[in-house]
Protein backbone atom coordinates (compact mmCIF):
# COMPACT_ATOMS: atom_id res chain seq x y z
CA MET A 1 77.92 125.51 116.91
CA THR A 2 78.97 121.76 116.22
CA ASN A 3 80.90 120.82 113.30
CA LYS A 4 79.29 118.54 111.04
CA LEU A 5 80.84 116.95 108.15
CA THR A 6 78.47 117.89 104.92
CA ILE A 7 78.98 116.99 101.67
CA GLU A 8 80.23 120.51 100.51
CA THR A 9 82.41 120.81 103.48
CA LEU A 10 83.95 117.30 102.06
CA ILE A 11 84.41 118.45 98.74
CA ASN A 12 85.69 122.25 99.73
CA SER A 13 88.29 120.03 101.97
CA THR A 14 89.16 117.01 99.27
CA MET A 15 90.10 116.76 95.41
CA ALA A 16 89.36 114.00 92.72
CA THR A 17 91.91 111.90 91.73
CA HIS A 18 92.23 113.37 88.28
CA ASP A 19 93.15 116.62 90.17
CA PHE A 20 95.60 115.45 92.32
CA ALA A 21 97.10 113.14 89.47
CA SER A 22 97.60 116.49 87.85
CA ILE A 23 99.66 118.34 90.59
CA LEU A 24 101.89 115.14 90.97
CA GLY A 25 102.34 114.90 87.21
CA GLN A 26 101.13 111.72 86.97
CA LYS A 27 97.98 109.76 85.28
CA SER A 28 94.59 109.02 87.53
CA GLN A 29 95.17 105.30 86.56
CA SER A 30 98.59 105.63 88.53
CA ILE A 31 97.05 107.48 91.49
CA ARG A 32 94.12 104.83 91.30
CA LYS A 33 96.72 101.50 90.93
CA ALA A 34 99.23 102.98 93.56
CA TYR A 35 96.33 103.39 96.25
CA ALA A 36 94.83 99.59 95.30
CA LEU A 37 98.69 98.51 96.33
CA LYS A 38 99.26 100.41 99.12
CA GLY A 39 96.35 102.22 100.44
CA GLU A 40 98.12 105.26 100.45
CA VAL A 41 99.80 107.55 97.69
CA MET A 42 103.17 109.47 98.71
CA GLY A 43 101.54 108.89 102.58
CA ILE A 44 98.02 110.17 101.95
CA ARG A 45 95.09 108.18 102.50
CA PRO A 46 92.22 109.29 100.31
CA ILE A 47 88.40 109.37 101.59
CA LYS A 48 86.50 106.46 99.55
CA LEU A 49 82.90 107.51 98.71
CA PRO A 50 79.84 105.40 98.92
CA ASN A 51 80.32 105.34 94.77
CA GLY A 52 83.14 103.98 95.07
CA LYS A 53 85.36 107.82 94.28
CA LEU A 54 88.34 108.77 95.97
CA ARG A 55 88.48 112.13 97.47
CA TRP A 56 92.25 113.40 98.29
CA PRO A 57 92.67 115.53 101.60
CA THR A 58 93.87 118.71 100.23
CA GLU A 59 95.95 119.60 103.47
CA PRO A 60 98.56 116.81 103.56
CA ILE A 61 99.18 117.88 99.55
CA VAL A 62 99.57 121.13 100.24
CA ARG A 63 102.11 119.85 103.25
CA LEU A 64 103.57 117.59 100.78
CA LEU A 65 103.97 120.13 97.96
CA LYS A 66 105.91 122.49 100.57
CA GLY A 67 108.43 119.55 101.05
CA GLU A 68 107.27 118.80 104.56
CA ALA A 69 106.19 115.33 106.07
CA ALA A 70 102.58 114.54 104.34
């Protein structure tokens, strides 16, 4: 069985910018601005979709919330 990256897999393993911002207690625009300036937010780099939207990987976010290195 091959591990193909599908849109369903991507959506299940990532979150939207507004969800990521909410977890951090920030506004979505603050997250977008930080990404635009540094290419990352708290050591986490998003996946940029063809439509320009960002999807944030959940695994490093969970590690960040646990106090581990992203």
